[in-house]
Amino acid sequence: MKVSKRRWAYSIKEGTDTEKRFKTLIESKGYEVVKSNKKQDIQDHIDFYVNGYGIDVKGRRYTKTIWLEIQNVKGKDGWLKGKAKYIVFDILDLKSFVFFYREDLLKYVQQYKETTDNKNDYLKWYSRKKWDREDKIIKVKYEHIKHLEIKKYNYATT
């Protein structure tokens, strides 16, 4: 299954918008924020360095649907195995950027062994191999990982 140009453009725009909002908010809190270079972004899964720590920002999540990626669509290490210190989710229904240690999320999902073909299942490994994708992802709810949360910054929406 190939992603349409329109869907690709939409995803890029949404990701860029989320990253801009994140950068603005975190800078307003007094932190130094530096955008990663292209290699760091693509290969290391780092979007920004905040006070020197690698951050991977994940946009447009909801408390009932958070996908965690251990293997990407090309079969390479997903962002849970990246080099970022922190994963930050923009959780829309919380109106917050929520921080987690990447390694805590990785350890958490490694306890699950069951697989599924149903994208609606929680806490089971899901893959889209039938669409020629090599990813390995797991769907969680915010309540499943809330105990791992280390910081939350609310933002105002207009």
N, C-alpha and C. Protein backbone atom coordinates (compact mmCIF):
# COMPACT_ATOMS: atom_id res chain seq x y z
N MET A 1 0.85 -1.17 0.00
CA MET A 1 0.00 0.00 0.00
C MET A 1 0.89 1.24 0.00
N LYS A 2 0.72 2.06 -0.98
CA LYS A 2 1.52 3.26 -1.11
C LYS A 2 0.76 4.46 -0.54
N VAL A 3 1.47 5.33 0.15
CA VAL A 3 0.86 6.52 0.73
C VAL A 3 0.71 7.56 -0.38
N SER A 4 -0.47 8.16 -0.46
CA SER A 4 -0.71 9.17 -1.50
C SER A 4 0.11 10.42 -1.23
N LYS A 5 0.39 11.17 -2.28
CA LYS A 5 1.13 12.43 -2.13
C LYS A 5 0.39 13.38 -1.21
N ARG A 6 -0.92 13.38 -1.31
CA ARG A 6 -1.74 14.27 -0.48
C ARG A 6 -1.61 13.89 1.00
N ARG A 7 -1.69 12.58 1.30
CA ARG A 7 -1.56 12.12 2.68
C ARG A 7 -0.16 12.40 3.22
N TRP A 8 0.86 12.19 2.38
CA TRP A 8 2.24 12.45 2.77
C TRP A 8 2.42 13.93 3.12
N ALA A 9 1.90 14.82 2.25
CA ALA A 9 2.01 16.27 2.47
C ALA A 9 1.29 16.67 3.77
N TYR A 10 0.13 16.08 4.01
CA TYR A 10 -0.62 16.36 5.23
C TYR A 10 0.19 15.95 6.47
N SER A 11 0.76 14.76 6.43
CA SER A 11 1.55 14.25 7.56
C SER A 11 2.76 15.14 7.83
N ILE A 12 3.45 15.56 6.77
CA ILE A 12 4.61 16.43 6.93
C ILE A 12 4.20 17.76 7.57
N LYS A 13 3.11 18.34 7.09
CA LYS A 13 2.63 19.61 7.62
C LYS A 13 2.25 19.48 9.09
N GLU A 14 1.53 18.43 9.43
CA GLU A 14 1.11 18.22 10.82
C GLU A 14 2.33 18.04 11.72
N GLY A 15 3.32 17.26 11.28
CA GLY A 15 4.53 17.07 12.06
C GLY A 15 5.29 18.35 12.26
N THR A 16 5.40 19.14 11.20
CA THR A 16 6.11 20.42 11.27
C THR A 16 5.39 21.38 12.22
N ASP A 17 4.06 21.43 12.12
CA ASP A 17 3.28 22.31 13.00
C ASP A 17 3.45 21.91 14.47
N THR A 18 3.41 20.61 14.74
CA THR A 18 3.59 20.12 16.11
C THR A 18 4.97 20.49 16.63
N GLU A 19 5.99 20.30 15.81
CA GLU A 19 7.35 20.64 16.23
C GLU A 19 7.49 22.13 16.51
N LYS A 20 6.87 22.98 15.71
CA LYS A 20 6.94 24.43 15.94
C LYS A 20 6.27 24.79 17.26
N ARG A 21 5.09 24.20 17.53
CA ARG A 21 4.39 24.48 18.79
C ARG A 21 5.21 24.00 19.98
N PHE A 22 5.82 22.83 19.84
CA PHE A 22 6.67 22.30 20.90
C PHE A 22 7.83 23.24 21.18
N LYS A 23 8.53 23.64 20.14
CA LYS A 23 9.70 24.52 20.28
C LYS A 23 9.32 25.83 20.95
N THR A 24 8.23 26.43 20.51
CA THR A 24 7.78 27.70 21.08
C THR A 24 7.44 27.54 22.57
N LEU A 25 6.70 26.49 22.91
CA LEU A 25 6.32 26.27 24.30
C LEU A 25 7.53 26.03 25.19
N ILE A 26 8.43 25.17 24.75
CA ILE A 26 9.57 24.81 25.58
C ILE A 26 10.52 26.01 25.74
N GLU A 27 10.71 26.77 24.69
CA GLU A 27 11.52 27.99 24.81
C GLU A 27 10.89 28.98 25.78
N SER A 28 9.55 29.05 25.80
CA SER A 28 8.86 29.97 26.71
C SER A 28 9.06 29.56 28.18
N LYS A 29 9.44 28.30 28.40
CA LYS A 29 9.72 27.81 29.75
C LYS A 29 11.17 28.06 30.16
N GLY A 30 11.95 28.66 29.23
CA GLY A 30 13.33 29.01 29.55
C GLY A 30 14.38 27.99 29.13
N TYR A 31 13.98 26.98 28.37
CA TYR A 31 14.92 25.97 27.92
C TYR A 31 15.56 26.38 26.60
N GLU A 32 16.78 25.90 26.38
CA GLU A 32 17.45 26.09 25.10
C GLU A 32 17.02 24.95 24.17
N VAL A 33 16.51 25.30 22.99
CA VAL A 33 16.01 24.31 22.04
C VAL A 33 16.76 24.46 20.72
N VAL A 34 17.39 23.36 20.27
CA VAL A 34 18.14 23.37 19.02
C VAL A 34 17.59 22.26 18.13
N LYS A 35 17.24 22.61 16.90
CA LYS A 35 16.74 21.62 15.94
C LYS A 35 17.87 20.67 15.54
N SER A 36 17.57 19.40 15.45
CA SER A 36 18.56 18.41 15.03
C SER A 36 18.84 18.56 13.54
N ASN A 37 19.94 17.96 13.10
CA ASN A 37 20.21 17.95 11.65
C ASN A 37 19.45 16.78 11.02
N LYS A 38 19.49 16.69 9.70
CA LYS A 38 18.70 15.70 8.98
C LYS A 38 19.07 14.26 9.37
N LYS A 39 20.36 13.97 9.50
CA LYS A 39 20.80 12.63 9.88
C LYS A 39 20.27 12.27 11.28
N GLN A 40 20.40 13.20 12.22
CA GLN A 40 19.93 12.95 13.58
C GLN A 40 18.42 12.71 13.59
N ASP A 41 17.72 13.49 12.78
CA ASP A 41 16.26 13.37 12.71
C ASP A 41 15.86 12.00 12.14
N ILE A 42 16.42 11.64 11.01
CA ILE A 42 16.01 10.42 10.31
C ILE A 42 16.61 9.15 10.93
N GLN A 43 17.89 9.14 11.18
CA GLN A 43 18.55 7.92 11.64
C GLN A 43 18.51 7.73 13.16
N ASP A 44 18.66 8.83 13.89
CA ASP A 44 18.73 8.73 15.35
C ASP A 44 17.38 8.96 16.03
N HIS A 45 16.38 9.40 15.26
CA HIS A 45 15.05 9.70 15.80
C HIS A 45 15.12 10.78 16.86
N ILE A 46 15.83 11.86 16.54
CA ILE A 46 15.92 13.03 17.42
C ILE A 46 15.47 14.24 16.63
N ASP A 47 14.43 14.92 17.13
CA ASP A 47 13.92 16.13 16.48
C ASP A 47 14.61 17.39 17.01
N PHE A 48 14.86 17.40 18.31
CA PHE A 48 15.44 18.58 18.96
C PHE A 48 16.41 18.13 20.05
N TYR A 49 17.27 19.07 20.41
CA TYR A 49 18.06 18.95 21.63
C TYR A 49 17.54 20.05 22.56
N VAL A 50 17.10 19.65 23.74
CA VAL A 50 16.62 20.59 24.74
C VAL A 50 17.61 20.54 25.90
N ASN A 51 18.28 21.68 26.10
CA ASN A 51 19.37 21.73 27.10
C ASN A 51 20.34 20.57 26.91
N GLY A 52 20.56 20.20 25.65
CA GLY A 52 21.54 19.17 25.30
C GLY A 52 21.01 17.75 25.23
N TYR A 53 19.75 17.51 25.63
CA TYR A 53 19.17 16.17 25.62
C TYR A 53 18.34 15.95 24.36
N GLY A 54 18.51 14.79 23.72
CA GLY A 54 17.76 14.46 22.51
C GLY A 54 16.29 14.19 22.80
N ILE A 55 15.44 14.82 21.98
CA ILE A 55 13.98 14.70 22.13
C ILE A 55 13.39 14.27 20.80
N ASP A 56 12.49 13.28 20.83
CA ASP A 56 11.72 12.89 19.65
C ASP A 56 10.26 13.26 19.94
N VAL A 57 9.72 14.17 19.14
CA VAL A 57 8.36 14.66 19.35
C VAL A 57 7.38 13.89 18.46
N LYS A 58 6.33 13.38 19.06
CA LYS A 58 5.30 12.62 18.34
C LYS A 58 3.99 13.40 18.42
N GLY A 59 3.47 13.77 17.27
CA GLY A 59 2.30 14.64 17.23
C GLY A 59 0.99 13.91 17.10
N ARG A 60 -0.06 14.63 17.43
CA ARG A 60 -1.46 14.23 17.19
C ARG A 60 -1.81 12.87 17.78
N ARG A 61 -1.58 12.70 19.04
CA ARG A 61 -1.98 11.48 19.74
C ARG A 61 -3.22 11.78 20.59
N TYR A 62 -3.94 10.72 20.92
CA TYR A 62 -5.10 10.82 21.81
C TYR A 62 -4.92 9.83 22.94
N THR A 63 -5.57 10.08 24.07
CA THR A 63 -5.39 9.22 25.24
C THR A 63 -5.78 7.77 24.97
N LYS A 64 -6.68 7.54 24.04
CA LYS A 64 -7.13 6.17 23.74
C LYS A 64 -6.32 5.50 22.63
N THR A 65 -5.44 6.26 21.95
CA THR A 65 -4.69 5.68 20.83
C THR A 65 -3.28 6.27 20.76
N ILE A 66 -2.33 5.53 21.29
CA ILE A 66 -0.92 5.91 21.20
C ILE A 66 -0.18 4.68 20.66
N TRP A 67 0.38 4.83 19.46
CA TRP A 67 1.15 3.74 18.86
C TRP A 67 2.61 3.92 19.22
N LEU A 68 3.26 2.83 19.63
CA LEU A 68 4.68 2.82 19.96
C LEU A 68 5.38 1.92 18.94
N GLU A 69 6.47 2.43 18.36
CA GLU A 69 7.13 1.76 17.23
C GLU A 69 8.49 1.19 17.64
N ILE A 70 8.61 -0.13 17.54
CA ILE A 70 9.88 -0.78 17.83
C ILE A 70 10.65 -1.06 16.53
N GLN A 71 9.90 -1.18 15.42
CA GLN A 71 10.50 -1.43 14.10
C GLN A 71 9.73 -0.60 13.08
N ASN A 72 10.45 0.12 12.21
CA ASN A 72 9.78 1.01 11.26
C ASN A 72 9.31 0.26 10.00
N VAL A 73 8.66 0.98 9.10
CA VAL A 73 8.06 0.35 7.92
C VAL A 73 9.09 -0.27 6.98
N LYS A 74 10.36 0.11 7.13
CA LYS A 74 11.42 -0.47 6.31
C LYS A 74 12.11 -1.64 7.01
N GLY A 75 11.64 -1.99 8.21
CA GLY A 75 12.23 -3.10 8.95
C GLY A 75 13.42 -2.71 9.80
N LYS A 76 13.72 -1.43 9.86
CA LYS A 76 14.85 -0.94 10.67
C LYS A 76 14.34 -0.56 12.06
N ASP A 77 15.28 -0.30 12.96
CA ASP A 77 14.91 0.08 14.32
C ASP A 77 13.95 1.26 14.30
N GLY A 78 12.86 1.12 15.03
CA GLY A 78 11.90 2.21 15.18
C GLY A 78 12.36 3.19 16.22
N TRP A 79 11.54 4.20 16.47
CA TRP A 79 11.97 5.29 17.34
C TRP A 79 12.12 4.87 18.81
N LEU A 80 11.49 3.77 19.22
CA LEU A 80 11.73 3.30 20.59
C LEU A 80 13.16 2.79 20.77
N LYS A 81 13.81 2.46 19.66
CA LYS A 81 15.20 2.01 19.71
C LYS A 81 16.15 3.10 19.20
N GLY A 82 15.66 4.33 19.10
CA GLY A 82 16.47 5.44 18.64
C GLY A 82 17.43 5.94 19.71
N LYS A 83 17.99 7.12 19.49
CA LYS A 83 18.98 7.68 20.41
C LYS A 83 18.45 8.81 21.28
N ALA A 84 17.17 9.15 21.13
CA ALA A 84 16.60 10.22 21.95
C ALA A 84 16.56 9.80 23.42
N LYS A 85 16.79 10.75 24.30
CA LYS A 85 16.64 10.51 25.73
C LYS A 85 15.15 10.49 26.10
N TYR A 86 14.39 11.40 25.45
CA TYR A 86 12.98 11.57 25.77
C TYR A 86 12.11 11.39 24.53
N ILE A 87 10.93 10.81 24.72
CA ILE A 87 9.85 10.81 23.73
C ILE A 87 8.80 11.75 24.30
N VAL A 88 8.34 12.67 23.46
CA VAL A 88 7.32 13.62 23.89
C VAL A 88 6.11 13.48 22.97
N PHE A 89 4.97 13.17 23.57
CA PHE A 89 3.73 13.04 22.81
C PHE A 89 2.91 14.32 22.94
N ASP A 90 2.40 14.79 21.82
CA ASP A 90 1.40 15.85 21.83
C ASP A 90 0.06 15.12 21.94
N ILE A 91 -0.51 15.11 23.13
CA ILE A 91 -1.77 14.41 23.36
C ILE A 91 -2.88 15.45 23.33
N LEU A 92 -3.62 15.41 22.23
CA LEU A 92 -4.58 16.47 21.93
C LEU A 92 -5.69 16.60 22.95
N ASP A 93 -6.25 15.48 23.42
CA ASP A 93 -7.35 15.60 24.38
C ASP A 93 -6.88 15.98 25.78
N LEU A 94 -5.59 15.95 26.03
CA LEU A 94 -5.03 16.48 27.28
C LEU A 94 -4.53 17.92 27.09
N LYS A 95 -4.46 18.35 25.83
CA LYS A 95 -3.90 19.67 25.50
C LYS A 95 -2.53 19.84 26.15
N SER A 96 -1.70 18.80 25.95
CA SER A 96 -0.41 18.76 26.64
C SER A 96 0.66 18.06 25.81
N PHE A 97 1.89 18.49 26.03
CA PHE A 97 3.05 17.73 25.60
C PHE A 97 3.47 16.91 26.82
N VAL A 98 3.53 15.59 26.64
CA VAL A 98 3.80 14.67 27.74
C VAL A 98 5.14 13.97 27.50
N PHE A 99 6.03 14.07 28.48
CA PHE A 99 7.40 13.56 28.37
C PHE A 99 7.53 12.19 29.02
N PHE A 100 8.27 11.32 28.33
CA PHE A 100 8.62 9.99 28.82
C PHE A 100 10.09 9.73 28.51
N TYR A 101 10.75 8.96 29.35
CA TYR A 101 12.07 8.45 28.97
C TYR A 101 11.84 7.38 27.90
N ARG A 102 12.57 7.50 26.79
CA ARG A 102 12.44 6.53 25.70
C ARG A 102 12.69 5.12 26.21
N GLU A 103 13.74 4.94 27.01
CA GLU A 103 14.09 3.60 27.49
C GLU A 103 13.01 3.00 28.39
N ASP A 104 12.29 3.83 29.14
CA ASP A 104 11.19 3.33 29.97
C ASP A 104 10.07 2.77 29.10
N LEU A 105 9.76 3.48 28.01
CA LEU A 105 8.71 2.99 27.09
C LEU A 105 9.14 1.69 26.42
N LEU A 106 10.40 1.64 26.02
CA LEU A 106 10.93 0.43 25.38
C LEU A 106 10.84 -0.76 26.33
N LYS A 107 11.29 -0.59 27.57
CA LYS A 107 11.22 -1.68 28.55
C LYS A 107 9.78 -2.10 28.80
N TYR A 108 8.89 -1.12 28.86
CA TYR A 108 7.48 -1.42 29.11
C TYR A 108 6.89 -2.32 28.02
N VAL A 109 7.10 -1.99 26.76
CA VAL A 109 6.48 -2.77 25.68
C VAL A 109 7.13 -4.13 25.48
N GLN A 110 8.36 -4.30 25.93
CA GLN A 110 9.05 -5.58 25.74
C GLN A 110 8.43 -6.71 26.55
N GLN A 111 7.58 -6.39 27.50
CA GLN A 111 6.90 -7.44 28.27
C GLN A 111 5.79 -8.13 27.46
N TYR A 112 5.35 -7.49 26.39
CA TYR A 112 4.25 -8.03 25.59
C TYR A 112 4.79 -8.89 24.46
N LYS A 113 4.20 -10.07 24.30
CA LYS A 113 4.68 -11.04 23.31
C LYS A 113 3.61 -11.38 22.26
N GLU A 114 2.35 -11.19 22.60
CA GLU A 114 1.25 -11.58 21.71
C GLU A 114 1.17 -10.66 20.49
N THR A 115 0.84 -11.25 19.35
CA THR A 115 0.68 -10.48 18.12
C THR A 115 -0.79 -10.49 17.69
N THR A 116 -1.14 -9.57 16.80
CA THR A 116 -2.50 -9.48 16.32
C THR A 116 -2.54 -8.96 14.89
N ASP A 117 -3.62 -9.26 14.20
CA ASP A 117 -3.88 -8.69 12.87
C ASP A 117 -4.92 -7.58 12.96
N ASN A 118 -5.41 -7.34 14.17
CA ASN A 118 -6.48 -6.37 14.38
C ASN A 118 -5.90 -5.08 14.96
N LYS A 119 -5.98 -4.00 14.20
CA LYS A 119 -5.41 -2.73 14.64
C LYS A 119 -6.16 -2.13 15.84
N ASN A 120 -7.29 -2.69 16.21
CA ASN A 120 -8.05 -2.18 17.35
C ASN A 120 -7.62 -2.79 18.68
N ASP A 121 -6.80 -3.84 18.63
CA ASP A 121 -6.33 -4.49 19.86
C ASP A 121 -5.28 -3.65 20.57
N TYR A 122 -5.31 -3.69 21.88
CA TYR A 122 -4.32 -3.01 22.70
C TYR A 122 -3.32 -4.02 23.25
N LEU A 123 -2.10 -3.54 23.47
CA LEU A 123 -1.05 -4.30 24.14
C LEU A 123 -0.71 -5.60 23.43
N LYS A 124 -0.82 -5.57 22.10
CA LYS A 124 -0.43 -6.69 21.24
C LYS A 124 0.34 -6.12 20.07
N TRP A 125 1.35 -6.83 19.62
CA TRP A 125 2.17 -6.37 18.50
C TRP A 125 1.40 -6.48 17.19
N TYR A 126 1.46 -5.42 16.43
CA TYR A 126 0.72 -5.33 15.17
C TYR A 126 1.71 -4.99 14.06
N SER A 127 1.49 -5.58 12.90
CA SER A 127 2.33 -5.31 11.73
C SER A 127 1.43 -5.16 10.51
N ARG A 128 1.92 -4.41 9.53
CA ARG A 128 1.17 -4.23 8.29
C ARG A 128 1.87 -4.93 7.13
N LYS A 129 2.36 -6.13 7.38
CA LYS A 129 3.06 -6.90 6.35
C LYS A 129 2.19 -7.17 5.14
N LYS A 130 0.89 -7.32 5.35
CA LYS A 130 -0.01 -7.59 4.22
C LYS A 130 -0.05 -6.41 3.25
N TRP A 131 0.45 -5.27 3.69
CA TRP A 131 0.55 -4.09 2.82
C TRP A 131 2.01 -3.78 2.50
N ASP A 132 2.87 -4.81 2.58
CA ASP A 132 4.30 -4.70 2.29
C ASP A 132 5.02 -3.70 3.20
N ARG A 133 4.62 -3.66 4.45
CA ARG A 133 5.29 -2.83 5.43
C ARG A 133 5.96 -3.75 6.44
N GLU A 134 7.10 -3.35 6.92
CA GLU A 134 7.88 -4.19 7.83
C GLU A 134 7.81 -3.71 9.28
N ASP A 135 6.83 -2.85 9.59
CA ASP A 135 6.78 -2.27 10.92
C ASP A 135 6.30 -3.26 11.98
N LYS A 136 6.65 -2.93 13.21
CA LYS A 136 6.21 -3.67 14.39
C LYS A 136 5.85 -2.62 15.43
N ILE A 137 4.55 -2.48 15.66
CA ILE A 137 4.05 -1.42 16.53
C ILE A 137 3.07 -2.00 17.53
N ILE A 138 2.86 -1.27 18.60
CA ILE A 138 1.95 -1.71 19.64
C ILE A 138 1.08 -0.53 20.06
N LYS A 139 -0.20 -0.79 20.19
CA LYS A 139 -1.17 0.26 20.55
C LYS A 139 -1.39 0.24 22.06
N VAL A 140 -1.26 1.42 22.65
CA VAL A 140 -1.50 1.57 24.09
C VAL A 140 -2.44 2.75 24.31
N LYS A 141 -3.00 2.79 25.49
CA LYS A 141 -3.75 3.95 25.96
C LYS A 141 -2.83 4.74 26.88
N TYR A 142 -3.14 6.01 27.01
CA TYR A 142 -2.37 6.86 27.93
C TYR A 142 -2.36 6.25 29.33
N GLU A 143 -3.50 5.70 29.77
CA GLU A 143 -3.58 5.13 31.11
C GLU A 143 -2.60 3.96 31.29
N HIS A 144 -2.24 3.27 30.20
CA HIS A 144 -1.28 2.16 30.29
C HIS A 144 0.13 2.66 30.61
N ILE A 145 0.47 3.85 30.13
CA ILE A 145 1.85 4.34 30.27
C ILE A 145 1.97 5.56 31.18
N LYS A 146 0.85 6.02 31.72
CA LYS A 146 0.86 7.23 32.55
C LYS A 146 1.84 7.11 33.72
N HIS A 147 1.99 5.94 34.28
CA HIS A 147 2.90 5.75 35.41
C HIS A 147 4.36 6.01 35.02
N LEU A 148 4.66 6.02 33.72
CA LEU A 148 6.01 6.28 33.24
C LEU A 148 6.25 7.76 32.91
N GLU A 149 5.20 8.55 32.93
CA GLU A 149 5.29 9.98 32.59
C GLU A 149 6.24 10.70 33.54
N ILE A 150 7.09 11.57 32.96
CA ILE A 150 8.00 12.32 33.82
C ILE A 150 7.70 13.82 33.87
N LYS A 151 6.99 14.33 32.88
CA LYS A 151 6.65 15.75 32.86
C LYS A 151 5.52 15.96 31.87
N LYS A 152 4.70 16.98 32.17
CA LYS A 152 3.61 17.33 31.28
C LYS A 152 3.51 18.86 31.23
N TYR A 153 3.51 19.40 30.01
CA TYR A 153 3.31 20.84 29.83
C TYR A 153 2.02 21.06 29.08
N ASN A 154 1.06 21.68 29.78
CA ASN A 154 -0.20 22.04 29.13
C ASN A 154 0.03 23.24 28.21
N TYR A 155 -0.77 23.31 27.16
CA TYR A 155 -0.70 24.45 26.25
C TYR A 155 -2.11 24.97 26.01
N ALA A 156 -2.17 26.23 25.67
CA ALA A 156 -3.46 26.85 25.34
C ALA A 156 -3.74 26.66 23.88
N THR A 157 -4.98 26.37 23.53
CA THR A 157 -5.36 26.29 22.13
C THR A 157 -6.26 27.47 21.81
N THR A 158 -6.13 27.95 20.60
CA THR A 158 -6.95 29.10 20.22
C THR A 158 -7.80 28.77 19.02
